[in-house]
Amino acid sequence: MIDVTAQASFALLAQAPAPEPETTRSLLDYIRAGGLLGYILIGLSISSLALVILQFIRLRADAWMPRDVQDALTRLVREQDLDGVRRYCDDPANASFLTAVIGRALARCGRSAFGFLELRSAIEEAGQIEADRRYRTNDGLQLLAALGPMLGLLGTVIGLIGAFGSLADLEGATRSRELARFMSLALVNTAQGLAVAIPCTAFYFYFKRRIDRLATDAGTVVERIVTPLEGRGAPDKPAPPRAAQPAPVQRPAPRPDAPRGVGAP
């Protein structure tokens, strides 16, 4: 009886299909499944990563308002050495948010008839201009965050078009294989587009907030540095050369022996 049961068990095992080997797909396989748009999205992700690293380097307090620059400008302003302040701000080795704002504000005051009486408004205008330059760099992340989902959606549409085309034109195993390939293309492109857009959107708002905070802190430092210049009046300018005045006309004196009214001019 035991032999019969064992033989039946072996017969069932022999008839059972062998388990299929597990197939695992690597990250490179998923990238290849995305097609040409998948490689473009990978390039966008690399660009966004480089831009994020660049923003982390640029948006530091030490890069916006270095301590040695603060000390040097404070000393020059207290000494009323405006020419020294201008030269220091124009030196590329001292380039920072502080030197850009103060140098631009002093240039405007030098051109104005009111001089340093409008120093505060000049600083506000210069600070806005320099902050906008930093915002323009950050706008690159916003652009990548918008392009990622659009390219992913384009890949999705292309995949769906191919999938429905395979349903209409092919049959059997070939149709199933092509349908799976095009659906994989659609879903992989969608995932890659979202993978680009989500981090870019998060970093865009993070860096935007960081620029706002750094601009506020730098404005406080600039105000502290240039306070001694407020109310100074018009900046010192060389006096223009005076035009030559014509010599007065000498009239002949009347003769003492001439009658009244005669010989008078």
Foldseek 3Di string as FASTA:
>chain_A
DVVVVVVVVVVVVVPDDDDDDDDDDDPVNLLVLQPPLSVVLVVLLVVLVVLLVVLVVCLDLCQADNPVNLVVLLVCVVVVVVVVLLVQLPDPVNDHNLSQLQNQLQVVLQPDQFRQQCSVVSSVVSLVVVLVVVLVSLCVLVVQLVVLQVSLQVQLVQLVVQLVVLVVPHDDPVNVVSNVSSNSNNVSSNVSSCVSNPVSVVSSVVSVVSSVVSSVVSVVSSCVRCVVVHPVTRDDDDDDDDDDDDDDDDDDDADPPDDPPPRDD
